C-alpha cells in the first residue's frame, strides 16, 4: 500500500476528531430571542446529525464529527438555558435592557445586554459577563460608571 493513502486516511481521522466547543462556567442566562435562537440552532444540529447518519459515515467523518459536536454543544446550552424576563420599563441597567452611554471622548454608544450565545458586538449586543456590561449593571440613567479606565454616563435605558 502506498504511503499517500495512509496519510490521507490519517488527515481524515485528524479532521474528524474535532474538539468540543467550550462551555462557559457562567450561568446560561438567555433572553426570549436568545432562547428561540438556541432552539433553532439545536434543531439545525439535529438535522445535520440526521443527514450525516444517512450518508456514508466512513467517507465523510468530518461531517459526522461536526454534527455530533454541535449537537452536544447546543443540547447542553439548551438544557442549561435560564430564561430571564425583562421589565417593560426598567429603572436600572439589567440583563436584557438596551443601554445608551455617553463616553468621555464624546461618542454615544447603544447596546443590549444579552446572554453569551447571543452576544454580537457588531450588531449591538454584548454579553452580560463582558466588562462593559458588568460596569453598567445596576446603574440608573444619569449615573456614571468606569469602563476601561474612562468614565461613561448612562443616558438611557430601554
N, C-alpha and C. Protein backbone atom coordinates (compact mmCIF):
# COMPACT_ATOMS: atom_id res chain seq x y z
N UNK A 1 0.83 -1.17 0.00
CA UNK A 1 0.00 0.00 0.00
C UNK A 1 0.88 1.24 0.00
N UNK A 2 0.44 2.26 -0.70
CA UNK A 2 1.19 3.49 -0.82
C UNK A 2 1.07 4.30 0.47
N UNK A 3 2.13 5.02 0.81
CA UNK A 3 2.14 5.88 1.99
C UNK A 3 1.14 7.03 1.81
N UNK A 4 0.91 7.45 0.59
CA UNK A 4 -0.03 8.54 0.32
C UNK A 4 -1.42 8.20 0.83
N UNK A 5 -1.84 6.94 0.66
CA UNK A 5 -3.17 6.55 1.13
C UNK A 5 -3.23 6.57 2.65
N UNK A 6 -2.19 6.18 3.30
CA UNK A 6 -2.13 6.18 4.76
C UNK A 6 -2.21 7.60 5.29
N UNK A 7 -1.47 8.51 4.69
CA UNK A 7 -1.50 9.90 5.14
C UNK A 7 -2.87 10.51 4.92
N UNK A 8 -3.50 10.21 3.80
CA UNK A 8 -4.82 10.74 3.53
C UNK A 8 -5.80 10.26 4.60
N UNK A 9 -5.73 9.01 4.94
CA UNK A 9 -6.60 8.48 5.99
C UNK A 9 -6.29 9.12 7.33
N UNK A 10 -5.01 9.34 7.61
CA UNK A 10 -4.64 9.99 8.87
C UNK A 10 -5.18 11.42 8.93
N UNK A 11 -5.11 12.15 7.81
CA UNK A 11 -5.63 13.51 7.79
C UNK A 11 -7.14 13.51 7.99
N UNK A 12 -7.83 12.54 7.40
CA UNK A 12 -9.28 12.42 7.56
C UNK A 12 -9.62 12.14 9.02
N UNK A 13 -8.88 11.24 9.64
CA UNK A 13 -9.13 10.91 11.04
C UNK A 13 -8.86 12.11 11.94
N UNK A 14 -7.82 12.87 11.65
CA UNK A 14 -7.50 14.05 12.43
C UNK A 14 -8.59 15.10 12.28
N UNK A 15 -9.05 15.30 11.05
CA UNK A 15 -10.11 16.29 10.81
C UNK A 15 -11.40 15.89 11.51
N UNK A 16 -11.66 14.60 11.60
CA UNK A 16 -12.89 14.13 12.22
C UNK A 16 -12.85 14.22 13.74
N UNK A 17 -11.67 14.37 14.31
CA UNK A 17 -11.52 14.44 15.76
C UNK A 17 -11.55 15.91 16.20
N UNK A 18 -12.72 16.54 16.07
CA UNK A 18 -12.86 17.94 16.42
C UNK A 18 -13.01 18.11 17.92
N UNK A 19 -12.37 19.11 18.49
CA UNK A 19 -12.54 19.34 19.93
C UNK A 19 -13.94 19.89 20.20
N UNK A 20 -14.46 19.64 21.39
CA UNK A 20 -15.76 20.19 21.78
C UNK A 20 -15.67 21.70 21.86
N UNK A 21 -16.80 22.35 21.63
CA UNK A 21 -16.88 23.79 21.83
C UNK A 21 -16.85 24.04 23.32
N UNK A 22 -16.13 25.05 23.75
CA UNK A 22 -16.07 25.30 25.20
C UNK A 22 -17.41 25.77 25.75
N UNK A 23 -17.75 25.27 26.92
CA UNK A 23 -18.98 25.67 27.61
C UNK A 23 -18.58 26.62 28.74
N UNK A 24 -19.20 27.77 28.76
CA UNK A 24 -18.88 28.79 29.75
C UNK A 24 -19.21 28.32 31.16
N UNK A 25 -18.41 28.73 32.14
CA UNK A 25 -18.72 28.39 33.53
C UNK A 25 -19.81 29.29 34.12
N UNK A 26 -20.18 30.36 33.41
CA UNK A 26 -21.20 31.29 33.90
C UNK A 26 -22.60 30.72 33.69
N UNK A 27 -23.57 31.16 34.49
CA UNK A 27 -24.95 30.72 34.25
C UNK A 27 -25.36 31.07 32.82
N UNK A 28 -26.13 30.20 32.20
CA UNK A 28 -26.54 30.39 30.81
C UNK A 28 -27.84 31.19 30.75
N UNK A 29 -27.73 32.49 31.06
CA UNK A 29 -28.88 33.37 31.02
C UNK A 29 -29.20 33.68 29.56
N UNK A 30 -30.49 33.69 29.22
CA UNK A 30 -30.91 33.99 27.85
C UNK A 30 -32.14 34.89 27.86
N UNK A 31 -32.26 35.70 26.81
CA UNK A 31 -33.48 36.46 26.58
C UNK A 31 -34.44 35.56 25.81
N UNK A 32 -35.65 36.00 25.60
CA UNK A 32 -36.62 35.21 24.82
C UNK A 32 -36.09 34.97 23.41
N UNK A 33 -35.51 35.99 22.79
CA UNK A 33 -34.96 35.81 21.44
C UNK A 33 -33.74 34.90 21.46
N UNK A 34 -32.96 34.94 22.52
CA UNK A 34 -31.81 34.05 22.65
C UNK A 34 -32.23 32.61 22.81
N UNK A 35 -33.32 32.38 23.54
CA UNK A 35 -33.84 31.02 23.71
C UNK A 35 -34.35 30.49 22.37
N UNK A 36 -35.03 31.34 21.61
CA UNK A 36 -35.51 30.93 20.28
C UNK A 36 -34.34 30.61 19.36
N UNK A 37 -33.26 31.39 19.44
CA UNK A 37 -32.08 31.13 18.62
C UNK A 37 -31.42 29.81 19.02
N UNK A 38 -31.37 29.52 20.32
CA UNK A 38 -30.83 28.24 20.78
C UNK A 38 -31.68 27.07 20.28
N UNK A 39 -33.00 27.23 20.32
CA UNK A 39 -33.90 26.18 19.81
C UNK A 39 -33.65 25.94 18.32
N UNK A 40 -33.49 27.03 17.57
CA UNK A 40 -33.24 26.90 16.13
C UNK A 40 -31.89 26.24 15.86
N UNK A 41 -30.88 26.62 16.61
CA UNK A 41 -29.54 26.03 16.43
C UNK A 41 -29.55 24.54 16.80
N UNK A 42 -30.30 24.18 17.84
CA UNK A 42 -30.40 22.78 18.23
C UNK A 42 -31.14 21.98 17.16
N UNK A 43 -32.20 22.53 16.60
CA UNK A 43 -32.93 21.85 15.53
C UNK A 43 -32.04 21.67 14.30
N UNK A 44 -31.26 22.69 13.99
CA UNK A 44 -30.34 22.60 12.85
C UNK A 44 -29.26 21.56 13.12
N UNK A 45 -28.76 21.49 14.34
CA UNK A 45 -27.75 20.48 14.69
C UNK A 45 -28.32 19.08 14.60
N UNK A 46 -29.58 18.91 15.04
CA UNK A 46 -30.23 17.60 14.94
C UNK A 46 -30.39 17.20 13.48
N UNK A 47 -30.78 18.15 12.64
CA UNK A 47 -30.95 17.86 11.21
C UNK A 47 -29.61 17.49 10.56
N UNK A 48 -28.56 18.21 10.91
CA UNK A 48 -27.23 17.91 10.36
C UNK A 48 -26.75 16.54 10.82
N UNK A 49 -27.05 16.20 12.07
CA UNK A 49 -26.67 14.89 12.59
C UNK A 49 -27.42 13.79 11.85
N UNK A 50 -28.72 13.99 11.64
CA UNK A 50 -29.52 13.01 10.91
C UNK A 50 -29.03 12.84 9.48
N UNK A 51 -28.69 13.95 8.83
CA UNK A 51 -28.16 13.88 7.46
C UNK A 51 -26.82 13.17 7.43
N UNK A 52 -25.98 13.43 8.42
CA UNK A 52 -24.67 12.78 8.47
C UNK A 52 -24.82 11.28 8.70
N UNK A 53 -25.81 10.88 9.50
CA UNK A 53 -26.04 9.45 9.75
C UNK A 53 -26.51 8.73 8.49
N UNK A 54 -27.27 9.41 7.67
CA UNK A 54 -27.78 8.80 6.44
C UNK A 54 -26.71 8.65 5.37
N UNK A 55 -25.69 9.49 5.44
CA UNK A 55 -24.60 9.42 4.46
C UNK A 55 -23.63 8.32 4.83
N UNK A 56 -22.58 8.23 4.06
CA UNK A 56 -21.53 7.25 4.32
C UNK A 56 -20.60 7.83 5.38
N UNK A 57 -20.79 7.42 6.63
CA UNK A 57 -20.04 7.98 7.75
C UNK A 57 -18.54 7.79 7.56
N UNK A 58 -18.14 6.66 7.05
CA UNK A 58 -16.71 6.41 6.83
C UNK A 58 -16.14 7.34 5.78
N UNK A 59 -16.94 7.68 4.77
CA UNK A 59 -16.44 8.54 3.70
C UNK A 59 -16.34 10.00 4.14
N UNK A 60 -17.23 10.43 5.00
CA UNK A 60 -17.22 11.83 5.44
C UNK A 60 -17.29 11.91 6.96
N UNK A 61 -16.21 11.52 7.58
CA UNK A 61 -16.15 11.51 9.05
C UNK A 61 -16.15 12.92 9.63
N UNK A 62 -15.67 13.87 8.86
CA UNK A 62 -15.64 15.25 9.34
C UNK A 62 -17.05 15.79 9.53
N UNK A 63 -17.96 15.51 8.59
CA UNK A 63 -19.34 15.98 8.71
C UNK A 63 -20.01 15.36 9.94
N UNK A 64 -19.77 14.10 10.17
CA UNK A 64 -20.35 13.43 11.32
C UNK A 64 -19.77 13.99 12.62
N UNK A 65 -18.47 14.22 12.64
CA UNK A 65 -17.83 14.78 13.84
C UNK A 65 -18.36 16.18 14.13
N UNK A 66 -18.50 17.00 13.10
CA UNK A 66 -19.00 18.36 13.27
C UNK A 66 -20.46 18.33 13.77
N UNK A 67 -21.27 17.47 13.17
CA UNK A 67 -22.67 17.36 13.58
C UNK A 67 -22.80 16.87 15.01
N UNK A 68 -21.99 15.90 15.39
CA UNK A 68 -22.02 15.36 16.75
C UNK A 68 -21.58 16.41 17.76
N UNK A 69 -20.52 17.14 17.42
CA UNK A 69 -20.01 18.19 18.31
C UNK A 69 -21.07 19.28 18.50
N UNK A 70 -21.69 19.73 17.41
CA UNK A 70 -22.70 20.78 17.50
C UNK A 70 -23.93 20.32 18.28
N UNK A 71 -24.31 19.06 18.07
CA UNK A 71 -25.46 18.52 18.79
C UNK A 71 -25.19 18.48 20.29
N UNK A 72 -23.99 18.07 20.69
CA UNK A 72 -23.63 18.07 22.12
C UNK A 72 -23.66 19.49 22.68
N UNK A 73 -23.05 20.43 21.95
CA UNK A 73 -22.95 21.80 22.43
C UNK A 73 -24.34 22.44 22.59
N UNK A 74 -25.12 22.43 21.52
CA UNK A 74 -26.43 23.09 21.58
C UNK A 74 -27.40 22.36 22.51
N UNK A 75 -27.26 21.05 22.62
CA UNK A 75 -28.07 20.30 23.57
C UNK A 75 -27.77 20.72 25.00
N UNK A 76 -26.49 20.87 25.31
CA UNK A 76 -26.08 21.29 26.65
C UNK A 76 -26.49 22.73 26.93
N UNK A 77 -26.32 23.61 25.95
CA UNK A 77 -26.68 25.02 26.14
C UNK A 77 -28.19 25.18 26.31
N UNK A 78 -28.97 24.42 25.56
CA UNK A 78 -30.43 24.49 25.67
C UNK A 78 -30.88 23.94 27.03
N UNK A 79 -30.26 22.86 27.46
CA UNK A 79 -30.63 22.25 28.74
C UNK A 79 -30.31 23.16 29.91
N UNK A 80 -29.27 23.97 29.81
CA UNK A 80 -28.87 24.83 30.91
C UNK A 80 -29.42 26.26 30.79
N UNK A 81 -30.16 26.54 29.73
CA UNK A 81 -30.66 27.91 29.49
C UNK A 81 -31.63 28.33 30.60
N UNK A 82 -31.44 29.56 31.06
CA UNK A 82 -32.30 30.14 32.08
C UNK A 82 -32.92 31.42 31.50
N UNK A 83 -34.19 31.34 31.15
CA UNK A 83 -34.87 32.49 30.55
C UNK A 83 -35.04 33.60 31.59
N UNK A 84 -34.61 34.81 31.22
CA UNK A 84 -34.74 35.97 32.10
C UNK A 84 -35.69 36.95 31.42
N UNK A 85 -36.80 37.21 32.08
CA UNK A 85 -37.78 38.17 31.55
C UNK A 85 -37.29 39.59 31.84
N UNK A 86 -37.50 40.47 30.90
CA UNK A 86 -37.09 41.86 31.04
C UNK A 86 -38.30 42.71 31.42
N UNK A 87 -38.11 43.63 32.35
CA UNK A 87 -39.19 44.53 32.74
C UNK A 87 -39.54 45.46 31.58
N UNK A 88 -40.81 45.86 31.51
CA UNK A 88 -41.25 46.74 30.43
C UNK A 88 -40.59 48.12 30.51
N UNK A 89 -40.43 48.64 31.72
CA UNK A 89 -39.84 49.97 31.91
C UNK A 89 -38.79 49.90 33.02
N UNK A 90 -37.63 49.35 32.73
CA UNK A 90 -36.61 49.20 33.78
C UNK A 90 -36.06 50.55 34.23
N UNK A 91 -35.79 50.66 35.51
CA UNK A 91 -35.22 51.89 36.08
C UNK A 91 -33.70 51.83 36.16
N UNK A 92 -33.16 50.60 36.12
CA UNK A 92 -31.71 50.43 36.16
C UNK A 92 -31.29 49.47 35.05
N UNK A 93 -30.01 49.50 34.73
CA UNK A 93 -29.46 48.61 33.71
C UNK A 93 -29.46 47.19 34.25
N UNK A 94 -30.01 46.27 33.48
CA UNK A 94 -30.07 44.87 33.88
C UNK A 94 -30.02 44.00 32.63
N UNK A 95 -29.98 42.71 32.86
CA UNK A 95 -29.95 41.75 31.76
C UNK A 95 -31.16 41.98 30.85
N UNK A 96 -30.91 42.04 29.55
CA UNK A 96 -31.98 42.20 28.57
C UNK A 96 -32.30 43.64 28.21
N UNK A 97 -31.74 44.60 28.94
CA UNK A 97 -32.05 46.00 28.63
C UNK A 97 -31.12 46.53 27.54
N UNK A 98 -31.61 47.58 26.88
CA UNK A 98 -30.80 48.31 25.90
C UNK A 98 -30.33 49.57 26.60
N UNK A 99 -29.04 49.82 26.52
CA UNK A 99 -28.40 50.91 27.27
C UNK A 99 -27.74 51.87 26.29
N UNK A 100 -27.91 53.16 26.55
CA UNK A 100 -27.21 54.18 25.77
C UNK A 100 -26.25 54.90 26.71
N UNK A 101 -24.99 54.98 26.29
CA UNK A 101 -23.94 55.61 27.10
C UNK A 101 -23.34 56.79 26.35
N UNK A 102 -22.91 57.79 27.10
CA UNK A 102 -22.08 58.85 26.56
C UNK A 102 -20.68 58.62 27.12
N UNK A 103 -19.72 58.55 26.21
CA UNK A 103 -18.33 58.35 26.61
C UNK A 103 -17.63 59.69 26.78
N UNK A 104 -16.53 59.69 27.51
CA UNK A 104 -15.77 60.91 27.79
C UNK A 104 -15.24 61.55 26.51
N UNK A 105 -15.01 60.75 25.48
CA UNK A 105 -14.48 61.30 24.22
C UNK A 105 -15.58 61.82 23.30
N UNK A 106 -16.83 61.86 23.80
CA UNK A 106 -17.92 62.42 23.03
C UNK A 106 -18.74 61.41 22.24
N UNK A 107 -18.30 60.18 22.19
CA UNK A 107 -19.05 59.15 21.46
C UNK A 107 -20.26 58.71 22.25
N UNK A 108 -21.32 58.38 21.53
CA UNK A 108 -22.52 57.80 22.14
C UNK A 108 -22.60 56.35 21.66
N UNK A 109 -22.85 55.46 22.59
CA UNK A 109 -22.87 54.02 22.28
C UNK A 109 -24.16 53.42 22.84
N UNK A 110 -24.83 52.62 21.99
CA UNK A 110 -26.04 51.92 22.41
C UNK A 110 -25.84 50.43 22.19
N UNK A 111 -26.20 49.63 23.18
CA UNK A 111 -26.07 48.18 23.09
C UNK A 111 -27.09 47.52 23.99
N UNK A 112 -27.34 46.25 23.71
CA UNK A 112 -28.26 45.45 24.51
C UNK A 112 -27.44 44.42 25.28
N UNK A 113 -27.78 44.18 26.54
CA UNK A 113 -27.09 43.21 27.37
C UNK A 113 -27.84 41.88 27.26
N UNK A 114 -27.15 40.86 26.76
CA UNK A 114 -27.77 39.56 26.46
C UNK A 114 -26.90 38.42 26.98
N UNK A 115 -27.33 37.20 26.71
CA UNK A 115 -26.57 36.01 27.09
C UNK A 115 -25.35 35.82 26.20
N UNK A 116 -24.47 34.96 26.64
CA UNK A 116 -23.21 34.76 25.93
C UNK A 116 -23.40 34.24 24.51
N UNK A 117 -24.33 33.32 24.29
CA UNK A 117 -24.53 32.76 22.97
C UNK A 117 -25.13 33.74 21.98
N UNK A 118 -25.85 34.74 22.46
CA UNK A 118 -26.50 35.67 21.55
C UNK A 118 -25.74 36.99 21.41
N UNK A 119 -24.66 37.16 22.14
CA UNK A 119 -23.88 38.39 22.06
C UNK A 119 -23.23 38.52 20.68
N UNK A 120 -23.35 39.72 20.13
CA UNK A 120 -22.74 40.03 18.83
C UNK A 120 -22.46 41.54 18.82
N UNK A 121 -21.29 41.96 19.28
CA UNK A 121 -20.99 43.39 19.38
C UNK A 121 -21.19 44.15 18.07
N UNK A 122 -20.91 43.51 16.95
CA UNK A 122 -21.10 44.16 15.66
C UNK A 122 -22.55 44.49 15.36
N UNK A 123 -23.46 43.78 16.01
CA UNK A 123 -24.88 44.02 15.82
C UNK A 123 -25.52 44.68 17.04
N UNK A 124 -24.69 45.18 17.96
CA UNK A 124 -25.21 45.95 19.07
C UNK A 124 -25.62 45.18 20.31
N UNK A 125 -25.05 44.00 20.52
CA UNK A 125 -25.36 43.26 21.74
C UNK A 125 -24.08 42.75 22.38
N UNK A 126 -24.01 42.84 23.70
CA UNK A 126 -22.85 42.37 24.44
C UNK A 126 -23.28 41.39 25.52
N UNK A 127 -22.41 40.50 25.86
CA UNK A 127 -22.68 39.51 26.89
C UNK A 127 -22.73 40.16 28.27
N UNK A 128 -23.59 39.62 29.10
CA UNK A 128 -23.73 40.14 30.46
C UNK A 128 -22.46 39.94 31.29
N UNK A 129 -21.56 39.07 30.85
CA UNK A 129 -20.32 38.86 31.59
C UNK A 129 -19.18 39.71 31.04
N UNK A 130 -19.43 40.51 30.02
CA UNK A 130 -18.39 41.37 29.47
C UNK A 130 -18.07 42.49 30.46
N UNK A 131 -16.86 43.01 30.42
CA UNK A 131 -16.50 44.11 31.33
C UNK A 131 -17.41 45.33 31.15
N UNK A 132 -17.81 45.63 29.93
CA UNK A 132 -18.69 46.77 29.68
C UNK A 132 -20.03 46.58 30.38
N UNK A 133 -20.63 45.42 30.19
CA UNK A 133 -21.94 45.15 30.82
C UNK A 133 -21.82 45.14 32.33
N UNK A 134 -20.79 44.52 32.85
CA UNK A 134 -20.62 44.46 34.31
C UNK A 134 -20.47 45.85 34.92
N UNK A 135 -19.79 46.75 34.20
CA UNK A 135 -19.55 48.09 34.72
C UNK A 135 -20.84 48.90 34.84
N UNK A 136 -21.80 48.66 33.94
CA UNK A 136 -23.02 49.49 33.96
C UNK A 136 -24.22 48.81 34.61
N UNK A 137 -24.12 47.52 34.91
CA UNK A 137 -25.25 46.81 35.54
C UNK A 137 -25.62 47.50 36.85
N UNK A 138 -26.92 47.70 37.06
CA UNK A 138 -27.41 48.30 38.29
C UNK A 138 -27.42 49.82 38.27
N UNK A 139 -26.87 50.44 37.24
CA UNK A 139 -26.82 51.90 37.16
C UNK A 139 -28.14 52.42 36.60
N UNK A 140 -28.52 53.62 37.04
CA UNK A 140 -29.72 54.30 36.54
C UNK A 140 -29.28 55.39 35.57
N UNK A 141 -30.23 55.88 34.80
CA UNK A 141 -29.92 56.97 33.87
C UNK A 141 -29.36 58.15 34.65
N UNK A 142 -28.28 58.74 34.13
CA UNK A 142 -27.62 59.86 34.79
C UNK A 142 -26.44 59.43 35.64
N UNK A 143 -26.33 58.15 35.97
CA UNK A 143 -25.20 57.68 36.79
C UNK A 143 -23.98 57.42 35.91
N UNK A 144 -22.83 57.44 36.55
CA UNK A 144 -21.55 57.26 35.87
C UNK A 144 -20.94 55.93 36.27
N UNK A 145 -20.29 55.30 35.30
CA UNK A 145 -19.55 54.06 35.54
C UNK A 145 -18.17 54.21 34.92
N UNK A 146 -17.25 53.37 35.36
CA UNK A 146 -15.89 53.38 34.80
C UNK A 146 -15.73 52.16 33.92
N UNK A 147 -15.40 52.40 32.65
CA UNK A 147 -15.19 51.33 31.68
C UNK A 147 -13.81 51.52 31.07
N UNK A 148 -12.96 50.53 31.22
CA UNK A 148 -11.59 50.58 30.68
C UNK A 148 -10.85 51.85 31.13
N UNK A 149 -11.04 52.23 32.38
CA UNK A 149 -10.33 53.37 32.93
C UNK A 149 -10.93 54.73 32.59
N UNK A 150 -12.01 54.77 31.82
CA UNK A 150 -12.64 56.03 31.46
C UNK A 150 -14.08 56.04 31.95
N UNK A 151 -14.56 57.22 32.27
CA UNK A 151 -15.94 57.34 32.74
C UNK A 151 -16.92 57.33 31.58
N UNK A 152 -18.06 56.69 31.81
CA UNK A 152 -19.18 56.72 30.87
C UNK A 152 -20.42 57.08 31.67
N UNK A 153 -21.34 57.80 31.02
CA UNK A 153 -22.60 58.15 31.69
C UNK A 153 -23.73 57.38 31.03
N UNK A 154 -24.56 56.78 31.87
CA UNK A 154 -25.74 56.09 31.37
C UNK A 154 -26.76 57.16 31.01
N UNK A 155 -27.13 57.22 29.72
CA UNK A 155 -28.04 58.26 29.23
C UNK A 155 -29.47 57.76 29.17
N UNK A 156 -29.64 56.51 28.71
CA UNK A 156 -30.99 55.96 28.57
C UNK A 156 -30.97 54.46 28.79
N UNK A 157 -32.11 53.95 29.27
CA UNK A 157 -32.29 52.51 29.49
C UNK A 157 -33.66 52.14 28.90
N UNK A 158 -33.68 51.13 28.07
CA UNK A 158 -34.96 50.70 27.48
C UNK A 158 -35.08 49.19 27.57
